[in-house]
Amino acid sequence: MKAIALGNVHALYQRLRPEITIIGTGGDSNGRDVFEMVLCGASMVQVASALAAKGSGIFTKLNQELSEIMKLKGYQTIEEFKGQLRHL
């Protein structure tokens, strides 16, 4: 499900006007998932199943994991990598 969601987010990001907000949904349960959704073009990420399973503490976990990934990759802001997926 996650692969399909990532593909759909990226396809929409490439085709829609920049002012249209894309919400990534499907299979998001950790910071890496959030990073990948934003990389594909999502402005927001839905984490409904993870919230139901793990409670509101999931937001702290996701934020912490995303921050670690960003630091590792040298990003200061989300805008630096939003929609920057590269095709091989």
PDB file of N, CA and C in Angstrom:
ATOM      1  N   MET A   1       0.814  -1.189   0.000  1.00  0.00           N
ATOM      2  CA  MET A   1       0.000   0.000   0.000  1.00  0.00           C
ATOM      3  C   MET A   1       0.864   1.262   0.000  1.00  0.00           C
ATOM      4  N   LYS A   2       1.954   1.236   0.741  1.00  0.00           N
ATOM      5  CA  LYS A   2       2.799   2.427   0.839  1.00  0.00           C
ATOM      6  C   LYS A   2       3.391   2.802  -0.517  1.00  0.00           C
ATOM      7  N   ALA A   3       3.844   1.824  -1.276  1.00  0.00           N
ATOM      8  CA  ALA A   3       4.438   2.107  -2.593  1.00  0.00           C
ATOM      9  C   ALA A   3       3.432   2.783  -3.518  1.00  0.00           C
ATOM     10  N   ILE A   4       2.208   2.329  -3.473  1.00  0.00           N
ATOM     11  CA  ILE A   4       1.152   2.933  -4.294  1.00  0.00           C
ATOM     12  C   ILE A   4       0.884   4.359  -3.829  1.00  0.00           C
ATOM     13  N   ALA A   5       0.825   4.539  -2.507  1.00  0.00           N
ATOM     14  CA  ALA A   5       0.581   5.881  -1.954  1.00  0.00           C
ATOM     15  C   ALA A   5       1.688   6.841  -2.367  1.00  0.00           C
ATOM     16  N   LEU A   6       2.945   6.416  -2.264  1.00  0.00           N
ATOM     17  CA  LEU A   6       4.070   7.272  -2.658  1.00  0.00           C
ATOM     18  C   LEU A   6       3.988   7.634  -4.140  1.00  0.00           C
ATOM     19  N   GLY A   7       3.671   6.651  -4.968  1.00  0.00           N
ATOM     20  CA  GLY A   7       3.541   6.893  -6.403  1.00  0.00           C
ATOM     21  C   GLY A   7       2.430   7.878  -6.719  1.00  0.00           C
ATOM     22  N   ASN A   8       1.314   7.745  -6.017  1.00  0.00           N
ATOM     23  CA  ASN A   8       0.189   8.653  -6.246  1.00  0.00           C
ATOM     24  C   ASN A   8       0.517  10.073  -5.799  1.00  0.00           C
ATOM     25  N   VAL A   9       1.165  10.194  -4.644  1.00  0.00           N
ATOM     26  CA  VAL A   9       1.551  11.526  -4.171  1.00  0.00           C
ATOM     27  C   VAL A   9       2.470  12.193  -5.183  1.00  0.00           C
ATOM     28  N   HIS A  10       3.452  11.460  -5.670  1.00  0.00           N
ATOM     29  CA  HIS A  10       4.397  12.053  -6.612  1.00  0.00           C
ATOM     30  C   HIS A  10       3.726  12.403  -7.936  1.00  0.00           C
ATOM     31  N   ALA A  11       2.843  11.541  -8.416  1.00  0.00           N
ATOM     32  CA  ALA A  11       2.127  11.819  -9.666  1.00  0.00           C
ATOM     33  C   ALA A  11       1.278  13.082  -9.525  1.00  0.00           C
ATOM     34  N   LEU A  12       0.608  13.231  -8.412  1.00  0.00           N
ATOM     35  CA  LEU A  12      -0.195  14.438  -8.184  1.00  0.00           C
ATOM     36  C   LEU A  12       0.692  15.669  -8.076  1.00  0.00           C
ATOM     37  N   TYR A  13       1.808  15.539  -7.367  1.00  0.00           N
ATOM     38  CA  TYR A  13       2.735  16.662  -7.196  1.00  0.00           C
ATOM     39  C   TYR A  13       3.245  17.168  -8.548  1.00  0.00           C
ATOM     40  N   GLN A  14       3.499  16.259  -9.457  1.00  0.00           N
ATOM     41  CA  GLN A  14       4.003  16.637 -10.784  1.00  0.00           C
ATOM     42  C   GLN A  14       2.932  17.291 -11.647  1.00  0.00           C
ATOM     43  N   ARG A  15       1.671  16.972 -11.406  1.00  0.00           N
ATOM     44  CA  ARG A  15       0.608  17.407 -12.301  1.00  0.00           C
ATOM     45  C   ARG A  15      -0.228  18.588 -11.800  1.00  0.00           C
ATOM     46  N   LEU A  16      -0.253  18.801 -10.490  1.00  0.00           N
ATOM     47  CA  LEU A  16      -1.115  19.852  -9.938  1.00  0.00           C
ATOM     48  C   LEU A  16      -0.376  21.178  -9.793  1.00  0.00           C
ATOM     49  N   ARG A  17      -1.142  22.245  -9.689  1.00  0.00           N
ATOM     50  CA  ARG A  17      -0.562  23.563  -9.429  1.00  0.00           C
ATOM     51  C   ARG A  17       0.086  23.547  -8.048  1.00  0.00           C
ATOM     52  N   PRO A  18       1.183  24.269  -7.859  1.00  0.00           N
ATOM     53  CA  PRO A  18       1.911  24.252  -6.584  1.00  0.00           C
ATOM     54  C   PRO A  18       1.089  24.687  -5.371  1.00  0.00           C
ATOM     55  N   GLU A  19       0.067  25.501  -5.570  1.00  0.00           N
ATOM     56  CA  GLU A  19      -0.724  25.973  -4.431  1.00  0.00           C
ATOM     57  C   GLU A  19      -1.727  24.927  -3.927  1.00  0.00           C
ATOM     58  N   ILE A  20      -1.857  23.812  -4.625  1.00  0.00           N
ATOM     59  CA  ILE A  20      -2.750  22.741  -4.179  1.00  0.00           C
ATOM     60  C   ILE A  20      -1.993  21.844  -3.201  1.00  0.00           C
ATOM     61  N   THR A  21      -2.560  21.711  -2.003  1.00  0.00           N
ATOM     62  CA  THR A  21      -1.940  20.922  -0.942  1.00  0.00           C
ATOM     63  C   THR A  21      -2.219  19.438  -1.148  1.00  0.00           C
ATOM     64  N   ILE A  22      -1.185  18.635  -1.045  1.00  0.00           N
ATOM     65  CA  ILE A  22      -1.313  17.186  -1.168  1.00  0.00           C
ATOM     66  C   ILE A  22      -1.085  16.570   0.209  1.00  0.00           C
ATOM     67  N   ILE A  23      -2.002  15.701   0.607  1.00  0.00           N
ATOM     68  CA  ILE A  23      -1.886  14.999   1.881  1.00  0.00           C
ATOM     69  C   ILE A  23      -1.531  13.544   1.575  1.00  0.00           C
ATOM     70  N   GLY A  24      -0.369  13.120   2.051  1.00  0.00           N
ATOM     71  CA  GLY A  24       0.067  11.742   1.845  1.00  0.00           C
ATOM     72  C   GLY A  24      -0.615  10.828   2.839  1.00  0.00           C
ATOM     73  N   THR A  25      -1.229   9.761   2.349  1.00  0.00           N
ATOM     74  CA  THR A  25      -1.904   8.801   3.217  1.00  0.00           C
ATOM     75  C   THR A  25      -1.570   7.382   2.789  1.00  0.00           C
ATOM     76  N   GLY A  26      -1.470   6.504   3.768  1.00  0.00           N
ATOM     77  CA  GLY A  26      -1.291   5.084   3.456  1.00  0.00           C
ATOM     78  C   GLY A  26       0.047   4.526   3.870  1.00  0.00           C
ATOM     79  N   GLY A  27       0.075   3.840   4.981  1.00  0.00           N
ATOM     80  CA  GLY A  27       1.276   3.131   5.397  1.00  0.00           C
ATOM     81  C   GLY A  27       2.305   3.955   6.141  1.00  0.00           C
ATOM     82  N   ASP A  28       1.891   5.062   6.726  1.00  0.00           N
ATOM     83  CA  ASP A  28       2.839   5.934   7.425  1.00  0.00           C
ATOM     84  C   ASP A  28       2.860   5.611   8.916  1.00  0.00           C
ATOM     85  N   SER A  29       3.996   5.083   9.393  1.00  0.00           N
ATOM     86  CA  SER A  29       4.060   4.729  10.810  1.00  0.00           C
ATOM     87  C   SER A  29       5.382   5.109  11.474  1.00  0.00           C
ATOM     88  N   ASN A  30       6.311   5.679  10.682  1.00  0.00           N
ATOM     89  CA  ASN A  30       7.587   6.111  11.274  1.00  0.00           C
ATOM     90  C   ASN A  30       8.123   7.328  10.526  1.00  0.00           C
ATOM     91  N   GLY A  31       9.189   7.892  11.060  1.00  0.00           N
ATOM     92  CA  GLY A  31       9.758   9.102  10.471  1.00  0.00           C
ATOM     93  C   GLY A  31      10.219   8.918   9.036  1.00  0.00           C
ATOM     94  N   ARG A  32      10.728   7.744   8.716  1.00  0.00           N
ATOM     95  CA  ARG A  32      11.169   7.473   7.338  1.00  0.00           C
ATOM     96  C   ARG A  32       9.981   7.539   6.372  1.00  0.00           C
ATOM     97  N   ASP A  33       8.847   6.992   6.800  1.00  0.00           N
ATOM     98  CA  ASP A  33       7.642   7.050   5.955  1.00  0.00           C
ATOM     99  C   ASP A  33       7.231   8.497   5.699  1.00  0.00           C
ATOM    100  N   VAL A  34       7.273   9.312   6.736  1.00  0.00           N
ATOM    101  CA  VAL A  34       6.926  10.731   6.600  1.00  0.00           C
ATOM    102  C   VAL A  34       7.908  11.421   5.653  1.00  0.00           C
ATOM    103  N   PHE A  35       9.204  11.157   5.828  1.00  0.00           N
ATOM    104  CA  PHE A  35      10.229  11.736   4.961  1.00  0.00           C
ATOM    105  C   PHE A  35       9.956  11.382   3.497  1.00  0.00           C
ATOM    106  N   GLU A  36       9.645  10.124   3.236  1.00  0.00           N
ATOM    107  CA  GLU A  36       9.400   9.680   1.859  1.00  0.00           C
ATOM    108  C   GLU A  36       8.161  10.337   1.257  1.00  0.00           C
ATOM    109  N   MET A  37       7.115  10.504   2.057  1.00  0.00           N
ATOM    110  CA  MET A  37       5.906  11.173   1.555  1.00  0.00           C
ATOM    111  C   MET A  37       6.210  12.616   1.169  1.00  0.00           C
ATOM    112  N   VAL A  38       6.942  13.315   2.021  1.00  0.00           N
ATOM    113  CA  VAL A  38       7.294  14.706   1.727  1.00  0.00           C
ATOM    114  C   VAL A  38       8.233  14.765   0.524  1.00  0.00           C
ATOM    115  N   LEU A  39       9.171  13.858   0.453  1.00  0.00           N
ATOM    116  CA  LEU A  39      10.087  13.789  -0.685  1.00  0.00           C
ATOM    117  C   LEU A  39       9.320  13.634  -1.998  1.00  0.00           C
ATOM    118  N   CYS A  40       8.221  12.888  -1.948  1.00  0.00           N
ATOM    119  CA  CYS A  40       7.386  12.694  -3.138  1.00  0.00           C
ATOM    120  C   CYS A  40       6.488  13.884  -3.433  1.00  0.00           C
ATOM    121  N   GLY A  41       6.330  14.811  -2.462  1.00  0.00           N
ATOM    122  CA  GLY A  41       5.558  16.020  -2.723  1.00  0.00           C
ATOM    123  C   GLY A  41       4.445  16.328  -1.752  1.00  0.00           C
ATOM    124  N   ALA A  42       4.259  15.519  -0.729  1.00  0.00           N
ATOM    125  CA  ALA A  42       3.193  15.786   0.240  1.00  0.00           C
ATOM    126  C   ALA A  42       3.524  16.997   1.110  1.00  0.00           C
ATOM    127  N   SER A  43       2.518  17.806   1.365  1.00  0.00           N
ATOM    128  CA  SER A  43       2.664  18.931   2.291  1.00  0.00           C
ATOM    129  C   SER A  43       2.299  18.513   3.706  1.00  0.00           C
ATOM    130  N   MET A  44       1.450  17.505   3.794  1.00  0.00           N
ATOM    131  CA  MET A  44       1.010  16.956   5.079  1.00  0.00           C
ATOM    132  C   MET A  44       0.962  15.442   4.948  1.00  0.00           C
ATOM    133  N   VAL A  45       1.015  14.756   6.093  1.00  0.00           N
ATOM    134  CA  VAL A  45       0.972  13.299   6.100  1.00  0.00           C
ATOM    135  C   VAL A  45      -0.045  12.840   7.136  1.00  0.00           C
ATOM    136  N   GLN A  46      -0.949  11.973   6.702  1.00  0.00           N
ATOM    137  CA  GLN A  46      -1.958  11.426   7.603  1.00  0.00           C
ATOM    138  C   GLN A  46      -1.392  10.187   8.289  1.00  0.00           C
ATOM    139  N   VAL A  47      -1.581  10.084   9.592  1.00  0.00           N
ATOM    140  CA  VAL A  47      -1.081   8.933  10.348  1.00  0.00           C
ATOM    141  C   VAL A  47      -2.195   8.336  11.212  1.00  0.00           C
ATOM    142  N   ALA A  48      -3.350   8.115  10.634  1.00  0.00           N
ATOM    143  CA  ALA A  48      -4.527   7.676  11.382  1.00  0.00           C
ATOM    144  C   ALA A  48      -4.340   6.308  12.029  1.00  0.00           C
ATOM    145  N   SER A  49      -3.881   5.321  11.297  1.00  0.00           N
ATOM    146  CA  SER A  49      -3.716   3.975  11.863  1.00  0.00           C
ATOM    147  C   SER A  49      -2.666   3.971  12.962  1.00  0.00           C
ATOM    148  N   ALA A  50      -1.560   4.672  12.746  1.00  0.00           N
ATOM    149  CA  ALA A  50      -0.510   4.749  13.758  1.00  0.00           C
ATOM    150  C   ALA A  50      -1.020   5.471  15.004  1.00  0.00           C
ATOM    151  N   LEU A  51      -1.824   6.488  14.825  1.00  0.00           N
ATOM    152  CA  LEU A  51      -2.405   7.209  15.956  1.00  0.00           C
ATOM    153  C   LEU A  51      -3.334   6.289  16.747  1.00  0.00           C
ATOM    154  N   ALA A  52      -4.160   5.537  16.048  1.00  0.00           N
ATOM    155  CA  ALA A  52      -5.087   4.626  16.722  1.00  0.00           C
ATOM    156  C   ALA A  52      -4.330   3.522  17.464  1.00  0.00           C
ATOM    157  N   ALA A  53      -3.250   3.044  16.883  1.00  0.00           N
ATOM    158  CA  ALA A  53      -2.497   1.939  17.476  1.00  0.00           C
ATOM    159  C   ALA A  53      -1.587   2.377  18.626  1.00  0.00           C
ATOM    160  N   LYS A  54      -0.992   3.560  18.495  1.00  0.00           N
ATOM    161  CA  LYS A  54       0.046   3.966  19.445  1.00  0.00           C
ATOM    162  C   LYS A  54      -0.296   5.190  20.285  1.00  0.00           C
ATOM    163  N   GLY A  55      -1.409   5.830  20.000  1.00  0.00           N
ATOM    164  CA  GLY A  55      -1.810   7.004  20.768  1.00  0.00           C
ATOM    165  C   GLY A  55      -1.094   8.263  20.314  1.00  0.00           C
ATOM    166  N   SER A  56      -1.363   9.347  21.004  1.00  0.00           N
ATOM    167  CA  SER A  56      -0.856  10.651  20.579  1.00  0.00           C
ATOM    168  C   SER A  56       0.666  10.781  20.682  1.00  0.00           C
ATOM    169  N   GLY A  57       1.314   9.884  21.414  1.00  0.00           N
ATOM    170  CA  GLY A  57       2.780   9.890  21.484  1.00  0.00           C
ATOM    171  C   GLY A  57       3.440   9.633  20.145  1.00  0.00           C
ATOM    172  N   ILE A  58       2.670   9.137  19.184  1.00  0.00           N
ATOM    173  CA  ILE A  58       3.216   8.868  17.848  1.00  0.00           C
ATOM    174  C   ILE A  58       3.750  10.146  17.208  1.00  0.00           C
ATOM    175  N   PHE A  59       3.133  11.288  17.527  1.00  0.00           N
ATOM    176  CA  PHE A  59       3.563  12.536  16.907  1.00  0.00           C
ATOM    177  C   PHE A  59       4.968  12.941  17.369  1.00  0.00           C
ATOM    178  N   THR A  60       5.262  12.732  18.632  1.00  0.00           N
ATOM    179  CA  THR A  60       6.602  13.010  19.154  1.00  0.00           C
ATOM    180  C   THR A  60       7.617  12.092  18.485  1.00  0.00           C
ATOM    181  N   LYS A  61       7.268  10.810  18.380  1.00  0.00           N
ATOM    182  CA  LYS A  61       8.145   9.820  17.751  1.00  0.00           C
ATOM    183  C   LYS A  61       8.413  10.187  16.289  1.00  0.00           C
ATOM    184  N   LEU A  62       7.360  10.501  15.545  1.00  0.00           N
ATOM    185  CA  LEU A  62       7.515  10.844  14.127  1.00  0.00           C
ATOM    186  C   LEU A  62       8.377  12.090  13.956  1.00  0.00           C
ATOM    187  N   ASN A  63       8.116  13.093  14.766  1.00  0.00           N
ATOM    188  CA  ASN A  63       8.877  14.331  14.693  1.00  0.00           C
ATOM    189  C   ASN A  63      10.354  14.084  14.987  1.00  0.00           C
ATOM    190  N   GLN A  64      10.622  13.304  16.005  1.00  0.00           N
ATOM    191  CA  GLN A  64      11.996  12.984  16.388  1.00  0.00           C
ATOM    192  C   GLN A  64      12.715  12.211  15.275  1.00  0.00           C
ATOM    193  N   GLU A  65      12.057  11.200  14.744  1.00  0.00           N
ATOM    194  CA  GLU A  65      12.662  10.391  13.677  1.00  0.00           C
ATOM    195  C   GLU A  65      12.877  11.207  12.408  1.00  0.00           C
ATOM    196  N   LEU A  66      11.897  12.033  12.054  1.00  0.00           N
ATOM    197  CA  LEU A  66      12.039  12.881  10.872  1.00  0.00           C
ATOM    198  C   LEU A  66      13.183  13.871  11.056  1.00  0.00           C
ATOM    199  N   SER A  67      13.288  14.457  12.228  1.00  0.00           N
ATOM    200  CA  SER A  67      14.378  15.400  12.516  1.00  0.00           C
ATOM    201  C   SER A  67      15.742  14.732  12.381  1.00  0.00           C
ATOM    202  N   GLU A  68      15.852  13.484  12.850  1.00  0.00           N
ATOM    203  CA  GLU A  68      17.114  12.745  12.743  1.00  0.00           C
ATOM    204  C   GLU A  68      17.484  12.485  11.285  1.00  0.00           C
ATOM    205  N   ILE A  69      16.505  12.109  10.484  1.00  0.00           N
ATOM    206  CA  ILE A  69      16.754  11.858   9.049  1.00  0.00           C
ATOM    207  C   ILE A  69      17.184  13.152   8.365  1.00  0.00           C
ATOM    208  N   MET A  70      16.489  14.231   8.661  1.00  0.00           N
ATOM    209  CA  MET A  70      16.823  15.518   8.051  1.00  0.00           C
ATOM    210  C   MET A  70      18.244  15.933   8.423  1.00  0.00           C
ATOM    211  N   LYS A  71      18.603  15.774   9.673  1.00  0.00           N
ATOM    212  CA  LYS A  71      19.952  16.130  10.120  1.00  0.00           C
ATOM    213  C   LYS A  71      21.000  15.282   9.405  1.00  0.00           C
ATOM    214  N   LEU A  72      20.734  13.985   9.293  1.00  0.00           N
ATOM    215  CA  LEU A  72      21.649  13.061   8.622  1.00  0.00           C
ATOM    216  C   LEU A  72      21.871  13.458   7.161  1.00  0.00           C
ATOM    217  N   LYS A  73      20.812  13.941   6.514  1.00  0.00           N
ATOM    218  CA  LYS A  73      20.875  14.293   5.097  1.00  0.00           C
ATOM    219  C   LYS A  73      21.231  15.760   4.856  1.00  0.00           C
ATOM    220  N   GLY A  74      21.381  16.525   5.942  1.00  0.00           N
ATOM    221  CA  GLY A  74      21.802  17.916   5.816  1.00  0.00           C
ATOM    222  C   GLY A  74      20.686  18.903   5.518  1.00  0.00           C
ATOM    223  N   TYR A  75      19.440  18.530   5.796  1.00  0.00           N
ATOM    224  CA  TYR A  75      18.312  19.433   5.563  1.00  0.00           C
ATOM    225  C   TYR A  75      17.984  20.207   6.833  1.00  0.00           C
ATOM    226  N   GLN A  76      17.747  21.499   6.680  1.00  0.00           N
ATOM    227  CA  GLN A  76      17.344  22.353   7.793  1.00  0.00           C
ATOM    228  C   GLN A  76      15.815  22.487   7.855  1.00  0.00           C
ATOM    229  N   THR A  77      15.183  22.498   6.686  1.00  0.00           N
ATOM    230  CA  THR A  77      13.735  22.681   6.612  1.00  0.00           C
ATOM    231  C   THR A  77      13.115  21.629   5.701  1.00  0.00           C
ATOM    232  N   ILE A  78      11.838  21.406   5.880  1.00  0.00           N
ATOM    233  CA  ILE A  78      11.104  20.456   5.041  1.00  0.00           C
ATOM    234  C   ILE A  78      11.056  20.948   3.600  1.00  0.00           C
ATOM    235  N   GLU A  79      10.950  22.252   3.411  1.00  0.00           N
ATOM    236  CA  GLU A  79      10.878  22.806   2.048  1.00  0.00           C
ATOM    237  C   GLU A  79      12.118  22.472   1.211  1.00  0.00           C
ATOM    238  N   GLU A  80      13.232  22.210   1.855  1.00  0.00           N
ATOM    239  CA  GLU A  80      14.464  21.889   1.117  1.00  0.00           C
ATOM    240  C   GLU A  80      14.373  20.563   0.365  1.00  0.00           C
ATOM    241  N   PHE A  81      13.548  19.642   0.846  1.00  0.00           N
ATOM    242  CA  PHE A  81      13.471  18.342   0.170  1.00  0.00           C
ATOM    243  C   PHE A  81      12.067  17.988  -0.323  1.00  0.00           C
ATOM    244  N   LYS A  82      11.079  18.809  -0.015  1.00  0.00           N
ATOM    245  CA  LYS A  82       9.713  18.527  -0.470  1.00  0.00           C
ATOM    246  C   LYS A  82       9.651  18.456  -1.988  1.00  0.00           C
ATOM    247  N   GLY A  83       9.160  17.327  -2.484  1.00  0.00           N
ATOM    248  CA  GLY A  83       8.989  17.140  -3.923  1.00  0.00           C
ATOM    249  C   GLY A  83      10.271  16.913  -4.702  1.00  0.00           C
ATOM    250  N   GLN A  84      11.366  16.654  -4.013  1.00  0.00           N
ATOM    251  CA  GLN A  84      12.674  16.529  -4.689  1.00  0.00           C
ATOM    252  C   GLN A  84      13.039  15.101  -5.054  1.00  0.00           C
ATOM    253  N   LEU A  85      12.061  14.212  -5.147  1.00  0.00           N
ATOM    254  CA  LEU A  85      12.334  12.835  -5.546  1.00  0.00           C
ATOM    255  C   LEU A  85      13.014  12.827  -6.908  1.00  0.00           C
ATOM    256  N   ARG A  86      14.086  12.068  -7.016  1.00  0.00           N
ATOM    257  CA  ARG A  86      14.831  11.982  -8.292  1.00  0.00           C
ATOM    258  C   ARG A  86      14.530  10.647  -8.960  1.00  0.00           C
ATOM    259  N   HIS A  87      14.345  10.691 -10.264  1.00  0.00           N
ATOM    260  CA  HIS A  87      14.070   9.484 -11.044  1.00  0.00           C
ATOM    261  C   HIS A  87      15.382   8.945 -11.611  1.00  0.00           C
ATOM    262  N   LEU A  88      15.513   7.655 -11.573  1.00  0.00           N
ATOM    263  CA  LEU A  88      16.706   7.029 -12.163  1.00  0.00           C
ATOM    264  C   LEU A  88      16.478   6.684 -13.602  1.00  0.00           C
TER     265      LEU A  88
END
